[in-house]
C-alpha atoms as a PDB file:
ATOM      1  CA  MET A   1      -1.304  13.207  12.686  1.00  0.00           C
ATOM      2  CA  GLY A   2       2.505  12.976  13.515  1.00  0.00           C
ATOM      3  CA  ALA A   3       1.445  12.724  17.280  1.00  0.00           C
ATOM      4  CA  LEU A   4      -0.977  10.033  16.568  1.00  0.00           C
ATOM      5  CA  LEU A   5       1.650   7.876  14.400  1.00  0.00           C
ATOM      6  CA  THR A   6       4.128   8.428  17.356  1.00  0.00           C
ATOM      7  CA  TRP A   7       1.607   7.067  19.798  1.00  0.00           C
ATOM      8  CA  ILE A   8       0.789   4.178  17.696  1.00  0.00           C
ATOM      9  CA  ALA A   9       4.515   3.397  17.357  1.00  0.00           C
ATOM     10  CA  ASP A  10       5.178   3.860  21.058  1.00  0.00           C
ATOM     11  CA  THR A  11       2.108   1.729  21.835  1.00  0.00           C
ATOM     12  CA  LEU A  12       3.247  -1.122  19.676  1.00  0.00           C
ATOM     13  CA  GLN A  13       6.691  -1.204  21.147  1.00  0.00           C
ATOM     14  CA  LYS A  14       5.417  -1.215  24.875  1.00  0.00           C
ATOM     15  CA  LEU A  15       2.817  -4.030  24.074  1.00  0.00           C
ATOM     16  CA  PRO A  16       3.457  -7.738  25.023  1.00  0.00           C
ATOM     17  CA  GLY A  17       4.331  -9.634  21.696  1.00  0.00           C
ATOM     18  CA  PRO A  18       1.222 -11.474  21.186  1.00  0.00           C
ATOM     19  CA  ALA A  19      -0.866  -8.020  21.674  1.00  0.00           C
ATOM     20  CA  ALA A  20       1.491  -6.324  19.275  1.00  0.00           C
ATOM     21  CA  LEU A  21       1.153  -8.936  16.731  1.00  0.00           C
ATOM     22  CA  VAL A  22      -2.643  -8.383  16.985  1.00  0.00           C
ATOM     23  CA  LEU A  23      -2.134  -4.758  16.046  1.00  0.00           C
ATOM     24  CA  VAL A  24       0.214  -5.821  13.243  1.00  0.00           C
ATOM     25  CA  PHE A  25      -2.599  -7.823  11.762  1.00  0.00           C
ATOM     26  CA  LEU A  26      -5.348  -5.316  12.561  1.00  0.00           C
ATOM     27  CA  LEU A  27      -3.977  -2.106  11.149  1.00  0.00           C
ATOM     28  CA  PRO A  28      -3.301  -3.437   7.367  1.00  0.00           C
ATOM     29  CA  ALA A  29      -6.672  -5.448   7.691  1.00  0.00           C
ATOM     30  CA  LEU A  30      -8.694  -2.183   8.615  1.00  0.00           C
ATOM     31  CA  GLU A  31      -7.437   0.043   6.006  1.00  0.00           C
ATOM     32  CA  ALA A  32      -9.589  -1.118   3.198  1.00  0.00           C
ATOM     33  CA  SER A  33     -12.271  -2.667   5.331  1.00  0.00           C
ATOM     34  CA  VAL A  34     -13.290   0.372   7.201  1.00  0.00           C
ATOM     35  CA  PHE A  35     -10.970   2.843   5.191  1.00  0.00           C
ATOM     36  CA  LEU A  36      -8.730   3.303   8.274  1.00  0.00           C
ATOM     37  CA  GLY A  37      -5.823   3.796   5.673  1.00  0.00           C
ATOM     38  CA  PHE A  38      -6.910   7.336   4.986  1.00  0.00           C
ATOM     39  CA  LEU A  39      -5.930   8.180   8.582  1.00  0.00           C
ATOM     40  CA  ILE A  40      -3.262   5.524   9.604  1.00  0.00           C
ATOM     41  CA  PRO A  41      -1.032   3.902   6.824  1.00  0.00           C
ATOM     42  CA  GLY A  42      -0.847   0.224   7.791  1.00  0.00           C
ATOM     43  CA  GLU A  43       2.836   0.077   7.042  1.00  0.00           C
ATOM     44  CA  ILE A  44       3.924   1.899  10.114  1.00  0.00           C
ATOM     45  CA  ALA A  45       2.623  -1.390  12.149  1.00  0.00           C
ATOM     46  CA  VAL A  46       4.129  -3.534   9.589  1.00  0.00           C
ATOM     47  CA  VAL A  47       7.592  -1.889   9.827  1.00  0.00           C
ATOM     48  CA  ILE A  48       7.305  -1.895  13.725  1.00  0.00           C
ATOM     49  CA  GLY A  49       6.510  -5.820  13.499  1.00  0.00           C
ATOM     50  CA  GLY A  50      10.028  -6.224  11.724  1.00  0.00           C
ATOM     51  CA  PHE A  51      11.575  -4.070  14.314  1.00  0.00           C
ATOM     52  CA  LEU A  52      10.042  -6.298  17.049  1.00  0.00           C
ATOM     53  CA  ALA A  53      11.317  -9.351  15.517  1.00  0.00           C
ATOM     54  CA  PHE A  54      14.814  -7.671  15.444  1.00  0.00           C
ATOM     55  CA  ASN A  55      14.744  -7.240  19.078  1.00  0.00           C
ATOM     56  CA  GLY A  56      13.395 -10.733  19.732  1.00  0.00           C
ATOM     57  CA  LYS A  57       9.985  -9.764  21.047  1.00  0.00           C
ATOM     58  CA  VAL A  58       8.232 -11.527  18.276  1.00  0.00           C
ATOM     59  CA  ASN A  59       9.155 -14.349  15.980  1.00  0.00           C
ATOM     60  CA  LEU A  60       9.921 -12.800  12.359  1.00  0.00           C
ATOM     61  CA  GLY A  61       7.886 -15.479  10.618  1.00  0.00           C
ATOM     62  CA  VAL A  62       4.845 -14.961  12.733  1.00  0.00           C
ATOM     63  CA  ALA A  63       5.282 -11.153  12.370  1.00  0.00           C
ATOM     64  CA  LEU A  64       5.148 -11.549   8.445  1.00  0.00           C
ATOM     65  CA  ALA A  65       2.214 -13.941   8.678  1.00  0.00           C
ATOM     66  CA  ALA A  66       0.159 -11.655  10.578  1.00  0.00           C
ATOM     67  CA  ALA A  67       1.024  -8.615   8.252  1.00  0.00           C
ATOM     68  CA  ILE A  68       0.383 -10.717   5.085  1.00  0.00           C
ATOM     69  CA  SER A  69      -2.926 -12.258   6.416  1.00  0.00           C
ATOM     70  CA  GLY A  70      -4.069  -8.864   7.683  1.00  0.00           C
ATOM     71  CA  ALA A  71      -3.465  -7.209   4.356  1.00  0.00           C
ATOM     72  CA  ILE A  72      -5.396  -9.988   2.431  1.00  0.00           C
ATOM     73  CA  ILE A  73      -8.308 -10.282   4.436  1.00  0.00           C
ATOM     74  CA  GLY A  74      -8.777  -6.556   4.934  1.00  0.00           C
ATOM     75  CA  ASP A  75      -8.873  -6.016   1.289  1.00  0.00           C
ATOM     76  CA  SER A  76     -11.316  -9.050   0.881  1.00  0.00           C
ATOM     77  CA  VAL A  77     -13.440  -7.395   3.272  1.00  0.00           C
ATOM     78  CA  GLY A  78     -13.268  -4.103   1.447  1.00  0.00           C
ATOM     79  CA  TYR A  79     -14.234  -5.680  -1.825  1.00  0.00           C
ATOM     80  CA  GLU A  80     -17.351  -7.232  -0.190  1.00  0.00           C
ATOM     81  CA  VAL A  81     -18.194  -3.814   1.322  1.00  0.00           C
ATOM     82  CA  GLY A  82     -17.825  -2.074  -2.101  1.00  0.00           C
ATOM     83  CA  LYS A  83     -19.737  -4.819  -3.821  1.00  0.00           C
ATOM     84  CA  LYS A  84     -22.909  -4.407  -1.175  1.00  0.00           C
ATOM     85  CA  TRP A  85     -22.920  -0.753  -0.720  1.00  0.00           C
ATOM     86  CA  GLY A  86     -20.681   0.640  -3.286  1.00  0.00           C
ATOM     87  CA  ASP A  87     -20.437   4.351  -4.495  1.00  0.00           C
ATOM     88  CA  LYS A  88     -23.155   5.420  -1.826  1.00  0.00           C
ATOM     89  CA  LEU A  89     -20.825   4.802   0.973  1.00  0.00           C
ATOM     90  CA  LEU A  90     -18.041   6.468  -0.425  1.00  0.00           C
ATOM     91  CA  THR A  91     -19.881   9.622  -1.096  1.00  0.00           C
ATOM     92  CA  LYS A  92     -20.792   9.758   2.637  1.00  0.00           C
ATOM     93  CA  LEU A  93     -17.050   9.699   3.604  1.00  0.00           C
ATOM     94  CA  PRO A  94     -15.545  13.143   4.766  1.00  0.00           C
ATOM     95  CA  GLU A  95     -13.773  14.837   1.687  1.00  0.00           C
ATOM     96  CA  ARG A  96     -10.971  15.831   4.110  1.00  0.00           C
ATOM     97  CA  PHE A  97      -9.957  11.995   4.444  1.00  0.00           C
ATOM     98  CA  VAL A  98     -10.999  10.778   1.128  1.00  0.00           C
ATOM     99  CA  LYS A  99     -10.529  13.232  -1.660  1.00  0.00           C
ATOM    100  CA  PRO A 100     -12.524  12.956  -4.886  1.00  0.00           C
ATOM    101  CA  GLU A 101      -9.293  12.781  -6.809  1.00  0.00           C
ATOM    102  CA  HIS A 102      -8.263   9.638  -5.080  1.00  0.00           C
ATOM    103  CA  ILE A 103     -11.604   7.941  -5.831  1.00  0.00           C
ATOM    104  CA  GLU A 104     -11.210   9.065  -9.541  1.00  0.00           C
ATOM    105  CA  GLN A 105      -7.652   7.858  -9.646  1.00  0.00           C
ATOM    106  CA  GLY A 106      -8.829   4.505  -8.216  1.00  0.00           C
ATOM    107  CA  LYS A 107     -11.452   4.119 -10.665  1.00  0.00           C
ATOM    108  CA  GLN A 108      -9.243   4.936 -13.619  1.00  0.00           C
ATOM    109  CA  LEU A 109      -6.758   2.345 -12.604  1.00  0.00           C
ATOM    110  CA  ILE A 110      -9.401  -0.359 -12.376  1.00  0.00           C
ATOM    111  CA  ASN A 111     -10.788   0.697 -15.760  1.00  0.00           C
ATOM    112  CA  ARG A 112      -7.280   0.424 -17.251  1.00  0.00           C
ATOM    113  CA  LEU A 113      -5.865  -2.610 -15.375  1.00  0.00           C
ATOM    114  CA  GLY A 114      -8.825  -4.357 -13.725  1.00  0.00           C
ATOM    115  CA  GLY A 115      -7.727  -6.737 -11.106  1.00  0.00           C
ATOM    116  CA  LYS A 116      -4.099  -5.676 -11.485  1.00  0.00           C
ATOM    117  CA  ALA A 117      -5.217  -2.386 -10.082  1.00  0.00           C
ATOM    118  CA  VAL A 118      -5.101  -4.195  -6.566  1.00  0.00           C
ATOM    119  CA  PHE A 119      -1.548  -4.886  -6.822  1.00  0.00           C
ATOM    120  CA  THR A 120      -0.716  -1.363  -8.073  1.00  0.00           C
ATOM    121  CA  GLY A 121      -2.913   0.341  -5.439  1.00  0.00           C
ATOM    122  CA  ARG A 122      -1.322  -1.726  -2.572  1.00  0.00           C
ATOM    123  CA  PHE A 123       1.768   0.573  -2.773  1.00  0.00           C
ATOM    124  CA  ALA A 124      -0.034   3.907  -1.924  1.00  0.00           C
ATOM    125  CA  ALA A 125      -2.073   4.468   1.407  1.00  0.00           C
ATOM    126  CA  ALA A 126      -4.890   6.451  -0.486  1.00  0.00           C
ATOM    127  CA  LEU A 127      -5.474   3.773  -3.153  1.00  0.00           C
ATOM    128  CA  ARG A 128      -4.772   0.858  -0.640  1.00  0.00           C
ATOM    129  CA  ALA A 129      -7.786   1.889   1.050  1.00  0.00           C
ATOM    130  CA  LEU A 130     -10.064   2.488  -1.991  1.00  0.00           C
ATOM    131  CA  VAL A 131      -9.127   0.170  -4.772  1.00  0.00           C
ATOM    132  CA  PRO A 132     -10.467  -3.142  -3.107  1.00  0.00           C
ATOM    133  CA  GLY A 133     -13.961  -1.506  -2.531  1.00  0.00           C
ATOM    134  CA  LEU A 134     -13.854  -0.039  -5.972  1.00  0.00           C
ATOM    135  CA  CYS A 135     -13.227  -3.516  -7.442  1.00  0.00           C
ATOM    136  CA  GLY A 136     -16.365  -4.678  -5.636  1.00  0.00           C
ATOM    137  CA  VAL A 137     -18.350  -1.775  -7.142  1.00  0.00           C
ATOM    138  CA  SER A 138     -16.854  -2.543 -10.580  1.00  0.00           C
ATOM    139  CA  ARG A 139     -17.849  -6.313 -10.141  1.00  0.00           C
ATOM    140  CA  VAL A 140     -14.360  -7.649 -10.930  1.00  0.00           C
ATOM    141  CA  PRO A 141     -14.453 -11.208 -10.753  1.00  0.00           C
ATOM    142  CA  TYR A 142     -13.429 -12.208  -7.200  1.00  0.00           C
ATOM    143  CA  LYS A 143     -11.037 -15.045  -8.193  1.00  0.00           C
ATOM    144  CA  LYS A 144      -8.924 -12.559 -10.360  1.00  0.00           C
ATOM    145  CA  PHE A 145      -9.267  -9.988  -7.387  1.00  0.00           C
ATOM    146  CA  LEU A 146      -7.991 -12.366  -4.897  1.00  0.00           C
ATOM    147  CA  PHE A 147      -4.979 -13.361  -6.902  1.00  0.00           C
ATOM    148  CA  TRP A 148      -3.809  -9.883  -7.468  1.00  0.00           C
ATOM    149  CA  ASN A 149      -4.731  -9.266  -3.783  1.00  0.00           C
ATOM    150  CA  ALA A 150      -2.631 -11.940  -2.477  1.00  0.00           C
ATOM    151  CA  LEU A 151       0.311 -11.129  -4.672  1.00  0.00           C
ATOM    152  CA  GLY A 152       0.237  -7.586  -3.681  1.00  0.00           C
ATOM    153  CA  GLY A 153      -0.348  -8.261   0.020  1.00  0.00           C
ATOM    154  CA  ILE A 154       2.609 -10.891   0.124  1.00  0.00           C
ATOM    155  CA  VAL A 155       4.907  -8.446  -1.794  1.00  0.00           C
ATOM    156  CA  TRP A 156       3.919  -5.291   0.327  1.00  0.00           C
ATOM    157  CA  ALA A 157       3.802  -6.959   3.786  1.00  0.00           C
ATOM    158  CA  THR A 158       7.167  -9.061   3.301  1.00  0.00           C
ATOM    159  CA  ALA A 159       8.857  -5.890   2.081  1.00  0.00           C
ATOM    160  CA  PHE A 160       8.100  -3.737   4.861  1.00  0.00           C
ATOM    161  CA  THR A 161       8.429  -6.181   7.541  1.00  0.00           C
ATOM    162  CA  LEU A 162      11.870  -7.154   6.287  1.00  0.00           C
ATOM    163  CA  LEU A 163      12.862  -3.449   6.004  1.00  0.00           C
ATOM    164  CA  GLY A 164      11.914  -2.987   9.783  1.00  0.00           C
ATOM    165  CA  TYR A 165      13.945  -6.030  10.697  1.00  0.00           C
ATOM    166  CA  ALA A 166      16.943  -4.952   8.723  1.00  0.00           C
ATOM    167  CA  ALA A 167      16.527  -1.178   9.875  1.00  0.00           C
ATOM    168  CA  GLY A 168      16.622  -2.383  13.540  1.00  0.00           C
ATOM    169  CA  ASN A 169      16.722   0.572  15.868  1.00  0.00           C
ATOM    170  CA  ALA A 170      16.561   2.928  12.813  1.00  0.00           C
ATOM    171  CA  TRP A 171      13.128   1.771  11.974  1.00  0.00           C
ATOM    172  CA  HIS A 172      11.524   5.251  12.267  1.00  0.00           C
ATOM    173  CA  LYS A 173      13.807   6.437   9.509  1.00  0.00           C
ATOM    174  CA  VAL A 174      12.336   3.497   7.245  1.00  0.00           C
ATOM    175  CA  GLU A 175       8.890   4.457   8.172  1.00  0.00           C
ATOM    176  CA  HIS A 176       9.272   7.979   6.861  1.00  0.00           C
ATOM    177  CA  TYR A 177      10.427   6.946   3.620  1.00  0.00           C
ATOM    178  CA  ALA A 178       8.273   3.892   3.286  1.00  0.00           C
ATOM    179  CA  SER A 179       5.690   5.241   0.768  1.00  0.00           C
ATOM    180  CA  VAL A 180       8.542   6.449  -1.553  1.00  0.00           C
ATOM    181  CA  VAL A 181      10.433   3.380  -1.477  1.00  0.00           C
ATOM    182  CA  SER A 182       7.314   1.175  -2.220  1.00  0.00           C
ATOM    183  CA  TRP A 183       6.514   3.355  -5.123  1.00  0.00           C
ATOM    184  CA  VAL A 184       9.843   3.415  -6.512  1.00  0.00           C
ATOM    185  CA  LEU A 185      10.322  -0.359  -6.400  1.00  0.00           C
ATOM    186  CA  LEU A 186       6.891  -0.709  -7.889  1.00  0.00           C
ATOM    187  CA  GLY A 187       8.109   1.647 -10.608  1.00  0.00           C
ATOM    188  CA  LEU A 188      11.248  -0.296 -11.187  1.00  0.00           C
ATOM    189  CA  ALA A 189       9.079  -3.530 -11.228  1.00  0.00           C
ATOM    190  CA  VAL A 190       6.788  -2.185 -13.917  1.00  0.00           C
ATOM    191  CA  ALA A 191       9.544  -0.937 -15.940  1.00  0.00           C
ATOM    192  CA  GLY A 192      11.416  -4.403 -15.984  1.00  0.00           C
ATOM    193  CA  GLY A 193       7.805  -5.822 -16.902  1.00  0.00           C
ATOM    194  CA  ILE A 194       7.624  -3.416 -19.960  1.00  0.00           C
ATOM    195  CA  ALA A 195      11.235  -4.436 -20.982  1.00  0.00           C
ATOM    196  CA  LEU A 196      10.370  -8.041 -20.726  1.00  0.00           C
ATOM    197  CA  PHE A 197       6.971  -7.601 -22.495  1.00  0.00           C
ATOM    198  CA  VAL A 198       8.551  -5.605 -25.328  1.00  0.00           C
ATOM    199  CA  VAL A 199      11.465  -8.217 -25.833  1.00  0.00           C
ATOM    200  CA  LYS A 200       8.796 -11.027 -25.912  1.00  0.00           C
ATOM    201  CA  LYS A 201       6.613  -9.223 -28.254  1.00  0.00           C
ATOM    202  CA  ARG A 202       9.460  -8.694 -30.754  1.00  0.00           C
ATOM    203  CA  LYS A 203      10.221 -12.348 -30.796  1.00  0.00           C
ATOM    204  CA  ALA A 204       6.464 -13.171 -31.292  1.00  0.00           C
ATOM    205  CA  SER A 205       4.814 -13.072 -34.646  1.00  0.00           C
ATOM    206  CA  ALA A 206       4.038  -9.595 -35.791  1.00  0.00           C
ATOM    207  CA  GLY A 207       0.316  -7.986 -36.234  1.00  0.00           C
ATOM    208  CA  SER A 208      -0.914  -9.092 -32.729  1.00  0.00           C
ATOM    209  CA  GLU A 209      -4.208  -7.027 -32.168  1.00  0.00           C
ATOM    210  CA  THR A 210      -3.672  -7.051 -28.600  1.00  0.00           C
ATOM    211  CA  GLU A 211      -0.319  -5.575 -28.383  1.00  0.00           C
ATOM    212  CA  PRO A 212      -1.003  -1.795 -28.678  1.00  0.00           C
ATOM    213  CA  ASP A 213      -3.803  -1.986 -26.120  1.00  0.00           C
ATOM    214  CA  LEU A 214      -1.411  -3.627 -23.589  1.00  0.00           C
ATOM    215  CA  VAL A 215       1.435  -1.397 -24.137  1.00  0.00           C
ATOM    216  CA  GLU A 216      -1.142   1.703 -23.789  1.00  0.00           C
ATOM    217  CA  ASP A 217      -2.355   0.162 -20.502  1.00  0.00           C
ATOM    218  CA  ILE A 218       1.260  -0.348 -19.288  1.00  0.00           C
ATOM    219  CA  LYS A 219       2.185   3.169 -20.327  1.00  0.00           C
ATOM    220  CA  HIS A 220      -0.792   4.581 -18.272  1.00  0.00           C
ATOM    221  CA  ALA A 221       0.276   2.619 -15.283  1.00  0.00           C
ATOM    222  CA  VAL A 222       3.761   3.685 -15.406  1.00  0.00           C
ATOM    223  CA  ALA A 223       2.373   7.298 -15.645  1.00  0.00           C
ATOM    224  CA  ALA A 224       0.125   6.880 -12.732  1.00  0.00           C
ATOM    225  CA  ILE A 225       3.269   5.528 -10.870  1.00  0.00           C
ATOM    226  CA  GLU A 226       5.628   8.352 -11.677  1.00  0.00           C
ATOM    227  CA  GLU A 227       2.729  10.926 -10.731  1.00  0.00           C
ATOM    228  CA  THR A 228       2.388   9.308  -7.411  1.00  0.00           C
ATOM    229  CA  VAL A 229       6.123   8.981  -6.885  1.00  0.00           C
ATOM    230  CA  GLU A 230       6.577  12.755  -7.250  1.00  0.00           C
ATOM    231  CA  HIS A 231       3.757  13.504  -4.950  1.00  0.00           C
ATOM    232  CA  GLU A 232       4.886  11.119  -2.225  1.00  0.00           C
ATOM    233  CA  VAL A 233       8.665  12.296  -2.573  1.00  0.00           C
ATOM    234  CA  GLY A 234       7.288  15.988  -2.024  1.00  0.00           C
ATOM    235  CA  ARG A 235       5.199  14.767   0.857  1.00  0.00           C
ATOM    236  CA  VAL A 236       8.028  12.890   2.645  1.00  0.00           C
ATOM    237  CA  THR A 237      10.491  15.789   1.930  1.00  0.00           C
ATOM    238  CA  HIS A 238       7.876  18.197   3.687  1.00  0.00           C
ATOM    239  CA  GLN A 239       7.488  16.004   6.724  1.00  0.00           C
ATOM    240  CA  LEU A 240      11.140  15.312   7.343  1.00  0.00           C
ATOM    241  CA  ALA A 241      11.855  19.032   7.114  1.00  0.00           C
ATOM    242  CA  ALA A 242       9.072  19.718   9.677  1.00  0.00           C
ATOM    243  CA  ASP A 243      10.378  16.979  11.962  1.00  0.00           C
ATOM    244  CA  GLU A 244      13.940  18.463  11.779  1.00  0.00           C
ATOM    245  CA  SER A 245      12.513  21.895  12.564  1.00  0.00           C
ATOM    246  CA  ALA A 246      10.645  20.629  15.465  1.00  0.00           C
ATOM    247  CA  GLU A 247      13.856  18.747  16.786  1.00  0.00           C
ATOM    248  CA  ALA A 248      15.817  21.884  16.384  1.00  0.00           C
ATOM    249  CA  ALA A 249      13.281  24.030  18.229  1.00  0.00           C
ATOM    250  CA  SER A 250      13.081  21.584  21.266  1.00  0.00           C
ATOM    251  CA  ALA A 251      16.801  21.365  21.344  1.00  0.00           C
ATOM    252  CA  SER A 252      17.183  25.043  21.551  1.00  0.00           C
END
């Protein structure tokens, strides 16, 4: 997998600007529409899109537009795939790519958060590939899905494009930490949302029937984020250690 990602990164850098932008669009678009996200995380193309803008090979605004539109369109296609073919298609996917726990985690997110699960799932590759289709299976209203899909796609694509642009020639280090950074940022955003929610509720009239349910939903979302952050930190730490060992071996 590391060799595949390296090849994709090298290919993107060698392609002419317009061709590279096509891949910046396609990789995020194919994550949920054909479940490519289980093999190739779309953020690698988005980060490199920012790097190419840093080098002047592509326009930063066009790179942002390609990444955002790819994310939104791909998830919309994934929603329609789930709506039409649903669980039957998911059960036919190889377990080494689509783990049952990922499917279950996606379903739990949708049950707890509805359309908001699209925004939450946007920040983890496995959920990013699964949640749009599961929203289609669950018949989440498309207007609600599209709102959260657009919001998540804009935040995610903008963040990683600008990370690649800011990192410049050190983009590969950003890519290593991309999933950890995204989940930590999401966790901070949710924590801020909880604080704001609590403050508003304390100012509102007491005895609201919806407050306990809403607080419980947010607590579940935070717990899911914390669990995924822990998993992603361990995965990236292991990957970096393996890369350092490989570099040391090649140097010797």
